[in-house]
């Protein structure tokens, strides 16, 4: 990764290959997703880095962007400018969850992301319709009961969970291992 991404913990284009004989996905589907998290913005220089990330992101050919949380390192600042920078992402669908640093001011951070065009999930299920198939995207927070998101009726559907802290998956351990990707 280039210097532009030095403040971003994870910034990758992920090729997700989904295959299941139990699910009607025409047996094979490749998704190009861009995932980033831990922006941990704390200075005006970080805003310049974020502008470069967004500029570079807009050049990528991806199907979906996922943001895994932690907008700020500590206190929020320049919220209008951060929202404006993120609003420049030109791809159709951007989905986010909040990180643990975002939880302290969850209302304002959710509003910032929503104003930027992100769909923020708070222990919610979002259906992704892709090439004639449906994928369940679970947007999980670091607290709360997420067990209702998975039921006997939908265990055979492919689920992809987006959560800032992966150790939170212990709450959904009863799910068949092949039906959730993390």
N, C-alpha and C. Protein backbone atom coordinates (compact mmCIF):
# COMPACT_ATOMS: atom_id res chain seq x y z
N UNK A 1 0.84 -1.18 0.00
CA UNK A 1 0.00 0.00 0.00
C UNK A 1 0.88 1.24 0.00
N UNK A 2 0.39 2.28 -0.65
CA UNK A 2 1.20 3.49 -0.76
C UNK A 2 1.12 4.32 0.52
N UNK A 3 1.89 5.38 0.57
CA UNK A 3 1.91 6.27 1.73
C UNK A 3 0.56 6.90 1.99
N UNK A 4 -0.24 7.03 0.97
CA UNK A 4 -1.57 7.62 1.14
C UNK A 4 -2.33 6.87 2.21
N UNK A 5 -2.10 5.57 2.32
CA UNK A 5 -2.88 4.73 3.21
C UNK A 5 -2.21 4.49 4.56
N UNK A 6 -1.21 5.26 4.88
CA UNK A 6 -0.46 4.99 6.10
C UNK A 6 -1.31 5.09 7.36
N UNK A 7 -2.38 5.85 7.35
CA UNK A 7 -3.22 6.01 8.54
C UNK A 7 -4.40 5.05 8.54
N UNK A 8 -4.57 4.29 7.49
CA UNK A 8 -5.71 3.38 7.40
C UNK A 8 -5.22 1.98 7.71
N UNK A 9 -5.86 1.34 8.67
CA UNK A 9 -5.42 0.02 9.12
C UNK A 9 -5.63 -1.04 8.05
N UNK A 10 -6.79 -1.10 7.49
CA UNK A 10 -7.08 -2.09 6.46
C UNK A 10 -7.72 -1.37 5.28
N UNK A 11 -7.15 -1.56 4.14
CA UNK A 11 -7.66 -0.92 2.94
C UNK A 11 -7.36 -1.87 1.79
N UNK A 12 -8.32 -2.67 1.43
CA UNK A 12 -8.08 -3.70 0.42
C UNK A 12 -9.24 -3.80 -0.55
N UNK A 13 -8.93 -4.27 -1.72
CA UNK A 13 -9.98 -4.70 -2.62
C UNK A 13 -10.05 -6.20 -2.44
N UNK A 14 -11.19 -6.67 -2.05
CA UNK A 14 -11.38 -8.07 -1.73
C UNK A 14 -12.18 -8.74 -2.83
N UNK A 15 -11.64 -9.79 -3.36
CA UNK A 15 -12.41 -10.60 -4.29
C UNK A 15 -13.03 -11.71 -3.47
N UNK A 16 -14.33 -11.70 -3.38
CA UNK A 16 -15.04 -12.71 -2.61
C UNK A 16 -15.57 -13.73 -3.60
N UNK A 17 -15.15 -14.95 -3.44
CA UNK A 17 -15.62 -16.04 -4.27
C UNK A 17 -16.61 -16.84 -3.47
N UNK A 18 -17.84 -16.85 -3.91
CA UNK A 18 -18.88 -17.58 -3.21
C UNK A 18 -19.27 -18.81 -4.01
N UNK A 19 -19.28 -19.93 -3.33
CA UNK A 19 -19.69 -21.17 -3.98
C UNK A 19 -20.50 -21.96 -2.98
N UNK A 20 -21.61 -22.47 -3.41
CA UNK A 20 -22.40 -23.32 -2.54
C UNK A 20 -23.27 -24.22 -3.39
N UNK A 21 -23.28 -25.49 -3.07
CA UNK A 21 -24.16 -26.40 -3.79
C UNK A 21 -25.58 -26.33 -3.24
N UNK A 22 -25.73 -25.77 -2.01
CA UNK A 22 -27.05 -25.69 -1.40
C UNK A 22 -27.84 -24.46 -1.81
N UNK A 23 -27.18 -23.48 -2.36
CA UNK A 23 -27.81 -22.20 -2.63
C UNK A 23 -27.78 -21.93 -4.12
N UNK A 24 -28.86 -21.39 -4.64
CA UNK A 24 -28.94 -21.11 -6.06
C UNK A 24 -28.16 -19.84 -6.37
N UNK A 25 -26.87 -19.98 -6.54
CA UNK A 25 -26.02 -18.85 -6.91
C UNK A 25 -25.38 -19.11 -8.25
N UNK A 26 -26.05 -19.93 -9.02
CA UNK A 26 -25.46 -20.38 -10.29
C UNK A 26 -24.10 -20.97 -10.02
N UNK A 27 -23.96 -21.53 -8.79
CA UNK A 27 -22.79 -22.23 -8.30
C UNK A 27 -21.52 -21.42 -8.15
N UNK A 28 -21.43 -20.27 -8.76
CA UNK A 28 -20.20 -19.51 -8.65
C UNK A 28 -20.49 -18.02 -8.81
N UNK A 29 -19.92 -17.21 -7.92
CA UNK A 29 -20.09 -15.78 -8.02
C UNK A 29 -18.84 -15.10 -7.48
N UNK A 30 -18.33 -14.15 -8.21
CA UNK A 30 -17.18 -13.38 -7.75
C UNK A 30 -17.62 -11.95 -7.52
N UNK A 31 -17.34 -11.45 -6.33
CA UNK A 31 -17.69 -10.08 -5.97
C UNK A 31 -16.40 -9.30 -5.73
N UNK A 32 -16.32 -8.10 -6.26
CA UNK A 32 -15.20 -7.21 -5.98
C UNK A 32 -15.68 -6.17 -4.98
N UNK A 33 -15.16 -6.26 -3.77
CA UNK A 33 -15.55 -5.36 -2.70
C UNK A 33 -14.33 -4.62 -2.19
N UNK A 34 -14.54 -3.37 -1.83
CA UNK A 34 -13.50 -2.54 -1.24
C UNK A 34 -13.84 -2.39 0.24
N UNK A 35 -12.91 -2.74 1.11
CA UNK A 35 -13.15 -2.69 2.55
C UNK A 35 -12.11 -1.76 3.18
N UNK A 36 -12.60 -0.82 4.00
CA UNK A 36 -11.65 0.00 4.75
C UNK A 36 -12.21 0.28 6.12
N UNK A 37 -11.31 0.49 7.08
CA UNK A 37 -11.72 0.77 8.45
C UNK A 37 -10.56 1.45 9.18
N UNK A 38 -10.83 1.86 10.39
CA UNK A 38 -9.82 2.50 11.24
C UNK A 38 -9.18 3.70 10.56
N UNK A 39 -10.01 4.64 10.11
CA UNK A 39 -9.45 5.88 9.59
C UNK A 39 -8.71 6.63 10.69
N UNK A 40 -9.28 6.62 11.89
CA UNK A 40 -8.66 7.25 13.06
C UNK A 40 -8.16 8.66 12.75
N UNK A 41 -9.05 9.46 12.16
CA UNK A 41 -8.70 10.83 11.81
C UNK A 41 -8.44 11.65 13.07
N UNK A 42 -7.34 12.42 13.05
CA UNK A 42 -7.04 13.25 14.22
C UNK A 42 -6.41 14.60 13.84
N UNK A 43 -5.99 14.77 12.59
CA UNK A 43 -5.34 16.02 12.19
C UNK A 43 -5.85 16.43 10.80
N UNK A 44 -5.59 17.67 10.47
CA UNK A 44 -5.95 18.15 9.12
C UNK A 44 -5.18 17.38 8.05
N UNK A 45 -3.97 16.96 8.36
CA UNK A 45 -3.19 16.16 7.42
C UNK A 45 -3.91 14.83 7.11
N UNK A 46 -4.56 14.28 8.12
CA UNK A 46 -5.33 13.06 7.90
C UNK A 46 -6.45 13.28 6.89
N UNK A 47 -7.02 14.48 6.90
CA UNK A 47 -8.07 14.80 5.93
C UNK A 47 -7.51 14.79 4.50
N UNK A 48 -6.30 15.26 4.34
CA UNK A 48 -5.66 15.20 3.02
C UNK A 48 -5.43 13.76 2.59
N UNK A 49 -5.03 12.91 3.52
CA UNK A 49 -4.87 11.49 3.22
C UNK A 49 -6.21 10.88 2.81
N UNK A 50 -7.26 11.25 3.54
CA UNK A 50 -8.59 10.72 3.23
C UNK A 50 -9.03 11.15 1.83
N UNK A 51 -8.75 12.38 1.46
CA UNK A 51 -9.07 12.84 0.10
C UNK A 51 -8.38 11.97 -0.94
N UNK A 52 -7.12 11.63 -0.69
CA UNK A 52 -6.36 10.79 -1.63
C UNK A 52 -6.95 9.37 -1.70
N UNK A 53 -7.35 8.85 -0.55
CA UNK A 53 -7.98 7.52 -0.51
C UNK A 53 -9.24 7.52 -1.35
N UNK A 54 -10.09 8.52 -1.17
CA UNK A 54 -11.34 8.62 -1.92
C UNK A 54 -11.06 8.78 -3.41
N UNK A 55 -10.09 9.60 -3.74
CA UNK A 55 -9.72 9.81 -5.15
C UNK A 55 -9.27 8.49 -5.78
N UNK A 56 -8.43 7.75 -5.08
CA UNK A 56 -7.95 6.46 -5.57
C UNK A 56 -9.09 5.43 -5.63
N UNK A 57 -9.92 5.44 -4.63
CA UNK A 57 -11.06 4.51 -4.59
C UNK A 57 -11.97 4.69 -5.80
N UNK A 58 -12.21 5.92 -6.18
CA UNK A 58 -13.10 6.19 -7.31
C UNK A 58 -12.55 5.67 -8.64
N UNK A 59 -11.29 5.33 -8.67
CA UNK A 59 -10.69 4.75 -9.88
C UNK A 59 -10.85 3.23 -9.94
N UNK A 60 -11.26 2.63 -8.85
CA UNK A 60 -11.36 1.18 -8.76
C UNK A 60 -12.70 0.70 -9.31
N UNK A 61 -12.68 -0.50 -9.85
CA UNK A 61 -13.90 -1.13 -10.36
C UNK A 61 -14.37 -2.14 -9.33
N UNK A 62 -15.19 -1.69 -8.40
CA UNK A 62 -15.69 -2.57 -7.35
C UNK A 62 -17.21 -2.54 -7.33
N UNK A 63 -17.79 -3.60 -6.76
CA UNK A 63 -19.23 -3.74 -6.70
C UNK A 63 -19.84 -3.11 -5.45
N UNK A 64 -19.05 -3.02 -4.39
CA UNK A 64 -19.58 -2.57 -3.10
C UNK A 64 -18.42 -2.06 -2.26
N UNK A 65 -18.69 -1.04 -1.45
CA UNK A 65 -17.71 -0.53 -0.50
C UNK A 65 -18.25 -0.77 0.90
N UNK A 66 -17.39 -1.31 1.76
CA UNK A 66 -17.74 -1.54 3.16
C UNK A 66 -16.79 -0.73 4.04
N UNK A 67 -17.36 0.01 4.99
CA UNK A 67 -16.55 0.75 5.96
C UNK A 67 -16.77 0.11 7.32
N UNK A 68 -15.69 -0.31 7.96
CA UNK A 68 -15.77 -1.05 9.21
C UNK A 68 -15.62 -0.24 10.47
N UNK A 69 -15.71 1.07 10.40
CA UNK A 69 -15.76 1.89 11.61
C UNK A 69 -14.48 2.55 12.03
N UNK A 70 -14.60 3.36 13.07
CA UNK A 70 -13.56 4.22 13.66
C UNK A 70 -13.16 5.34 12.71
N UNK A 71 -14.05 6.31 12.63
CA UNK A 71 -13.80 7.50 11.81
C UNK A 71 -12.68 8.32 12.44
N UNK A 72 -12.81 8.58 13.73
CA UNK A 72 -11.87 9.45 14.43
C UNK A 72 -11.02 8.66 15.42
N UNK A 73 -9.84 9.21 15.69
CA UNK A 73 -8.96 8.62 16.69
C UNK A 73 -9.50 8.89 18.10
N UNK A 74 -9.91 10.11 18.33
CA UNK A 74 -10.47 10.50 19.62
C UNK A 74 -11.73 11.33 19.38
N UNK A 75 -11.63 12.62 19.63
CA UNK A 75 -12.78 13.51 19.44
C UNK A 75 -12.97 13.82 17.97
N UNK A 76 -14.23 13.99 17.60
CA UNK A 76 -14.52 14.35 16.21
C UNK A 76 -14.11 15.79 15.95
N UNK A 77 -13.77 16.07 14.70
CA UNK A 77 -13.43 17.43 14.29
C UNK A 77 -13.74 17.54 12.81
N UNK A 78 -13.97 18.76 12.36
CA UNK A 78 -14.21 19.01 10.93
C UNK A 78 -15.25 18.04 10.35
N UNK A 79 -16.34 17.83 11.09
CA UNK A 79 -17.31 16.82 10.65
C UNK A 79 -17.92 17.14 9.30
N UNK A 80 -18.18 18.42 9.03
CA UNK A 80 -18.74 18.78 7.72
C UNK A 80 -17.75 18.47 6.61
N UNK A 81 -16.48 18.74 6.83
CA UNK A 81 -15.47 18.48 5.82
C UNK A 81 -15.28 16.97 5.62
N UNK A 82 -15.27 16.21 6.71
CA UNK A 82 -15.14 14.75 6.60
C UNK A 82 -16.30 14.18 5.81
N UNK A 83 -17.51 14.63 6.14
CA UNK A 83 -18.69 14.16 5.41
C UNK A 83 -18.60 14.52 3.93
N UNK A 84 -18.16 15.73 3.65
CA UNK A 84 -18.03 16.18 2.26
C UNK A 84 -17.01 15.35 1.49
N UNK A 85 -15.89 15.02 2.13
CA UNK A 85 -14.87 14.19 1.48
C UNK A 85 -15.45 12.81 1.18
N UNK A 86 -16.10 12.21 2.17
CA UNK A 86 -16.67 10.87 1.98
C UNK A 86 -17.80 10.88 0.95
N UNK A 87 -18.50 12.00 0.86
CA UNK A 87 -19.59 12.13 -0.11
C UNK A 87 -19.07 12.05 -1.54
N UNK A 88 -17.79 12.31 -1.74
CA UNK A 88 -17.19 12.25 -3.07
C UNK A 88 -16.98 10.84 -3.58
N UNK A 89 -17.24 9.84 -2.76
CA UNK A 89 -17.17 8.45 -3.24
C UNK A 89 -18.30 8.29 -4.26
N UNK A 90 -17.94 7.89 -5.46
CA UNK A 90 -18.90 7.90 -6.56
C UNK A 90 -19.58 6.56 -6.82
N UNK A 91 -19.19 5.52 -6.11
CA UNK A 91 -19.80 4.22 -6.34
C UNK A 91 -21.22 4.18 -5.77
N UNK A 92 -22.01 3.27 -6.28
CA UNK A 92 -23.43 3.24 -5.96
C UNK A 92 -23.72 2.89 -4.50
N UNK A 93 -23.10 1.86 -3.97
CA UNK A 93 -23.49 1.37 -2.66
C UNK A 93 -22.30 1.38 -1.69
N UNK A 94 -22.47 2.09 -0.57
CA UNK A 94 -21.47 2.14 0.48
C UNK A 94 -22.19 1.81 1.79
N UNK A 95 -21.73 0.76 2.46
CA UNK A 95 -22.37 0.32 3.69
C UNK A 95 -21.35 0.38 4.82
N UNK A 96 -21.81 0.79 6.02
CA UNK A 96 -20.90 0.99 7.14
C UNK A 96 -21.46 0.43 8.43
N UNK A 97 -20.55 0.14 9.33
CA UNK A 97 -20.87 -0.10 10.74
C UNK A 97 -19.97 0.83 11.55
N UNK A 98 -20.36 1.07 12.79
CA UNK A 98 -19.55 1.91 13.66
C UNK A 98 -18.52 1.07 14.39
N UNK A 99 -17.36 1.66 14.64
CA UNK A 99 -16.34 1.02 15.46
C UNK A 99 -16.51 1.43 16.91
N UNK A 100 -15.67 0.87 17.78
CA UNK A 100 -15.82 1.16 19.21
C UNK A 100 -15.56 2.63 19.51
N UNK A 101 -14.68 3.30 18.76
CA UNK A 101 -14.43 4.72 18.98
C UNK A 101 -15.59 5.58 18.50
N UNK A 102 -16.37 5.07 17.56
CA UNK A 102 -17.53 5.79 17.05
C UNK A 102 -18.72 5.69 18.00
N UNK A 103 -18.74 4.66 18.84
CA UNK A 103 -19.90 4.39 19.69
C UNK A 103 -20.16 5.50 20.71
N UNK A 104 -19.12 6.17 21.18
CA UNK A 104 -19.29 7.22 22.18
C UNK A 104 -20.13 8.38 21.69
N UNK A 105 -20.12 8.62 20.40
CA UNK A 105 -20.92 9.69 19.78
C UNK A 105 -21.65 9.09 18.58
N UNK A 106 -22.34 7.98 18.83
CA UNK A 106 -22.92 7.20 17.73
C UNK A 106 -23.93 7.98 16.90
N UNK A 107 -24.72 8.84 17.53
CA UNK A 107 -25.72 9.60 16.77
C UNK A 107 -25.05 10.52 15.76
N UNK A 108 -24.07 11.29 16.22
CA UNK A 108 -23.39 12.22 15.31
C UNK A 108 -22.58 11.50 14.25
N UNK A 109 -21.92 10.40 14.63
CA UNK A 109 -21.13 9.66 13.65
C UNK A 109 -22.02 8.95 12.63
N UNK A 110 -23.15 8.46 13.07
CA UNK A 110 -24.11 7.87 12.12
C UNK A 110 -24.62 8.94 11.17
N UNK A 111 -24.95 10.11 11.71
CA UNK A 111 -25.43 11.21 10.87
C UNK A 111 -24.36 11.63 9.85
N UNK A 112 -23.11 11.72 10.29
CA UNK A 112 -22.01 12.08 9.40
C UNK A 112 -21.93 11.10 8.23
N UNK A 113 -21.95 9.82 8.53
CA UNK A 113 -21.85 8.80 7.48
C UNK A 113 -23.09 8.80 6.58
N UNK A 114 -24.26 8.97 7.18
CA UNK A 114 -25.50 9.00 6.40
C UNK A 114 -25.51 10.19 5.45
N UNK A 115 -25.10 11.35 5.95
CA UNK A 115 -25.03 12.55 5.10
C UNK A 115 -24.03 12.37 3.96
N UNK A 116 -23.02 11.53 4.18
CA UNK A 116 -22.03 11.26 3.14
C UNK A 116 -22.52 10.21 2.14
N UNK A 117 -23.72 9.68 2.37
CA UNK A 117 -24.28 8.70 1.43
C UNK A 117 -24.07 7.25 1.83
N UNK A 118 -23.55 7.02 3.03
CA UNK A 118 -23.35 5.66 3.52
C UNK A 118 -24.65 5.15 4.12
N UNK A 119 -24.90 3.87 4.00
CA UNK A 119 -25.98 3.22 4.73
C UNK A 119 -25.34 2.59 5.96
N UNK A 120 -25.73 3.07 7.15
CA UNK A 120 -25.13 2.60 8.39
C UNK A 120 -26.04 1.54 9.01
N UNK A 121 -25.46 0.38 9.28
CA UNK A 121 -26.21 -0.72 9.86
C UNK A 121 -25.90 -0.84 11.35
N UNK A 122 -26.95 -0.90 12.16
CA UNK A 122 -26.84 -1.05 13.61
C UNK A 122 -27.50 -2.38 13.98
N UNK A 123 -26.72 -3.46 14.02
CA UNK A 123 -27.27 -4.80 14.27
C UNK A 123 -28.46 -5.06 13.36
N UNK A 124 -28.22 -4.87 12.08
CA UNK A 124 -29.27 -5.00 11.08
C UNK A 124 -28.84 -5.91 9.94
N UNK A 125 -29.82 -6.37 9.24
CA UNK A 125 -29.63 -7.19 8.06
C UNK A 125 -29.94 -6.36 6.83
N UNK A 126 -29.06 -6.43 5.84
CA UNK A 126 -29.28 -5.73 4.56
C UNK A 126 -29.14 -6.76 3.47
N UNK A 127 -30.15 -6.85 2.61
CA UNK A 127 -30.08 -7.78 1.49
C UNK A 127 -29.29 -7.13 0.36
N UNK A 128 -28.34 -7.86 -0.18
CA UNK A 128 -27.57 -7.42 -1.33
C UNK A 128 -28.05 -8.23 -2.52
N UNK A 129 -28.61 -7.55 -3.50
CA UNK A 129 -29.09 -8.21 -4.72
C UNK A 129 -27.98 -8.07 -5.75
N UNK A 130 -27.46 -9.22 -6.17
CA UNK A 130 -26.31 -9.19 -7.06
C UNK A 130 -26.44 -10.30 -8.09
N UNK A 131 -26.51 -9.91 -9.35
CA UNK A 131 -26.57 -10.85 -10.47
C UNK A 131 -27.61 -11.95 -10.24
N UNK A 132 -28.79 -11.55 -9.84
CA UNK A 132 -29.89 -12.49 -9.66
C UNK A 132 -29.86 -13.29 -8.38
N UNK A 133 -28.94 -13.01 -7.48
CA UNK A 133 -28.86 -13.72 -6.22
C UNK A 133 -29.02 -12.74 -5.06
N UNK A 134 -29.30 -13.30 -3.89
CA UNK A 134 -29.45 -12.49 -2.69
C UNK A 134 -28.41 -12.95 -1.68
N UNK A 135 -27.71 -11.99 -1.11
CA UNK A 135 -26.74 -12.24 -0.05
C UNK A 135 -27.18 -11.42 1.15
N UNK A 136 -27.14 -12.02 2.32
CA UNK A 136 -27.44 -11.29 3.55
C UNK A 136 -26.16 -10.65 4.07
N UNK A 137 -26.17 -9.33 4.19
CA UNK A 137 -25.06 -8.62 4.80
C UNK A 137 -25.51 -8.21 6.19
N UNK A 138 -24.82 -8.72 7.20
CA UNK A 138 -25.14 -8.42 8.58
C UNK A 138 -24.23 -7.31 9.06
N UNK A 139 -24.78 -6.18 9.44
CA UNK A 139 -24.01 -5.08 10.00
C UNK A 139 -24.12 -5.14 11.50
N UNK A 140 -23.05 -5.54 12.17
CA UNK A 140 -23.10 -5.80 13.60
C UNK A 140 -22.29 -4.76 14.38
N UNK A 141 -22.82 -4.39 15.53
CA UNK A 141 -22.11 -3.50 16.43
C UNK A 141 -21.41 -4.33 17.48
N UNK A 142 -20.67 -3.68 18.33
CA UNK A 142 -19.90 -4.39 19.35
C UNK A 142 -20.71 -4.67 20.60
N UNK A 143 -21.99 -4.40 20.55
CA UNK A 143 -22.85 -4.66 21.69
C UNK A 143 -24.24 -4.99 21.17
N UNK A 144 -25.05 -5.54 22.04
CA UNK A 144 -26.41 -5.87 21.66
C UNK A 144 -26.52 -7.30 21.22
N UNK A 145 -27.75 -7.75 21.13
CA UNK A 145 -28.03 -9.12 20.77
C UNK A 145 -28.27 -9.22 19.27
N UNK A 146 -27.45 -9.96 18.59
CA UNK A 146 -27.60 -10.11 17.14
C UNK A 146 -28.19 -11.46 16.77
N UNK A 147 -28.59 -12.26 17.77
CA UNK A 147 -29.06 -13.61 17.49
C UNK A 147 -30.31 -13.62 16.63
N UNK A 148 -31.13 -12.59 16.69
CA UNK A 148 -32.35 -12.54 15.89
C UNK A 148 -32.11 -12.34 14.41
N UNK A 149 -30.89 -11.99 14.04
CA UNK A 149 -30.58 -11.78 12.62
C UNK A 149 -30.45 -13.10 11.87
N UNK A 150 -30.25 -14.18 12.61
CA UNK A 150 -30.08 -15.48 11.98
C UNK A 150 -31.11 -16.42 12.57
N UNK A 151 -31.90 -17.02 11.72
CA UNK A 151 -32.95 -17.92 12.20
C UNK A 151 -32.91 -19.23 11.42
N UNK A 152 -33.71 -20.18 11.87
CA UNK A 152 -33.80 -21.46 11.17
C UNK A 152 -34.25 -21.27 9.73
N UNK A 153 -35.08 -20.25 9.48
CA UNK A 153 -35.62 -20.02 8.14
C UNK A 153 -34.57 -19.57 7.14
N UNK A 154 -33.50 -18.94 7.61
CA UNK A 154 -32.53 -18.40 6.66
C UNK A 154 -31.12 -18.93 6.84
N UNK A 155 -30.96 -20.10 7.45
CA UNK A 155 -29.63 -20.64 7.68
C UNK A 155 -28.91 -21.04 6.40
N UNK A 156 -29.64 -21.34 5.34
CA UNK A 156 -28.96 -21.78 4.12
C UNK A 156 -28.61 -20.64 3.18
N UNK A 157 -28.97 -19.43 3.55
CA UNK A 157 -28.64 -18.26 2.74
C UNK A 157 -27.22 -17.82 3.08
N UNK A 158 -26.46 -17.41 2.08
CA UNK A 158 -25.11 -16.92 2.36
C UNK A 158 -25.19 -15.60 3.10
N UNK A 159 -24.40 -15.52 4.17
CA UNK A 159 -24.35 -14.32 4.99
C UNK A 159 -22.91 -13.83 5.06
N UNK A 160 -22.76 -12.55 4.98
CA UNK A 160 -21.46 -11.93 5.17
C UNK A 160 -21.64 -10.90 6.27
N UNK A 161 -20.82 -11.00 7.30
CA UNK A 161 -20.96 -10.10 8.44
C UNK A 161 -19.88 -9.03 8.40
N UNK A 162 -20.31 -7.80 8.67
CA UNK A 162 -19.41 -6.67 8.79
C UNK A 162 -19.48 -6.21 10.24
N UNK A 163 -18.35 -6.31 10.92
CA UNK A 163 -18.28 -5.92 12.32
C UNK A 163 -16.87 -5.38 12.58
N UNK A 164 -16.78 -4.36 13.41
CA UNK A 164 -15.48 -3.75 13.67
C UNK A 164 -14.56 -4.68 14.47
N UNK A 165 -15.10 -5.33 15.48
CA UNK A 165 -14.30 -6.21 16.32
C UNK A 165 -14.74 -7.65 16.10
N UNK A 166 -13.92 -8.43 15.38
CA UNK A 166 -14.34 -9.78 14.99
C UNK A 166 -14.59 -10.74 16.14
N UNK A 167 -14.05 -10.46 17.35
CA UNK A 167 -14.33 -11.36 18.46
C UNK A 167 -15.80 -11.34 18.87
N UNK A 168 -16.54 -10.41 18.33
CA UNK A 168 -17.98 -10.33 18.59
C UNK A 168 -18.73 -11.51 17.98
N UNK A 169 -18.09 -12.25 17.09
CA UNK A 169 -18.75 -13.37 16.43
C UNK A 169 -19.11 -14.50 17.37
N UNK A 170 -18.62 -14.50 18.58
CA UNK A 170 -18.97 -15.56 19.50
C UNK A 170 -20.47 -15.60 19.76
N UNK A 171 -21.17 -14.49 19.55
CA UNK A 171 -22.62 -14.47 19.77
C UNK A 171 -23.38 -15.20 18.68
N UNK A 172 -22.75 -15.45 17.55
CA UNK A 172 -23.46 -16.13 16.47
C UNK A 172 -22.80 -17.46 16.13
N UNK A 173 -22.17 -18.07 17.12
CA UNK A 173 -21.42 -19.30 16.88
C UNK A 173 -22.29 -20.50 16.52
N UNK A 174 -23.58 -20.45 16.77
CA UNK A 174 -24.44 -21.57 16.44
C UNK A 174 -24.71 -21.70 14.95
N UNK A 175 -24.37 -20.68 14.19
CA UNK A 175 -24.60 -20.70 12.75
C UNK A 175 -23.67 -21.71 12.11
N UNK A 176 -24.16 -22.40 11.10
CA UNK A 176 -23.29 -23.33 10.38
C UNK A 176 -22.07 -22.59 9.85
N UNK A 177 -20.89 -23.12 10.02
CA UNK A 177 -19.69 -22.42 9.60
C UNK A 177 -19.67 -22.07 8.10
N UNK A 178 -20.32 -22.86 7.28
CA UNK A 178 -20.29 -22.58 5.84
C UNK A 178 -21.27 -21.50 5.43
N UNK A 179 -22.12 -21.06 6.34
CA UNK A 179 -23.11 -20.08 5.93
C UNK A 179 -22.73 -18.65 6.31
N UNK A 180 -21.59 -18.49 6.94
CA UNK A 180 -21.15 -17.12 7.24
C UNK A 180 -19.67 -16.99 6.96
N UNK A 181 -19.30 -15.92 6.32
CA UNK A 181 -17.92 -15.67 5.95
C UNK A 181 -17.43 -14.51 6.78
N UNK A 182 -16.30 -14.66 7.45
CA UNK A 182 -15.70 -13.54 8.17
C UNK A 182 -14.22 -13.54 8.04
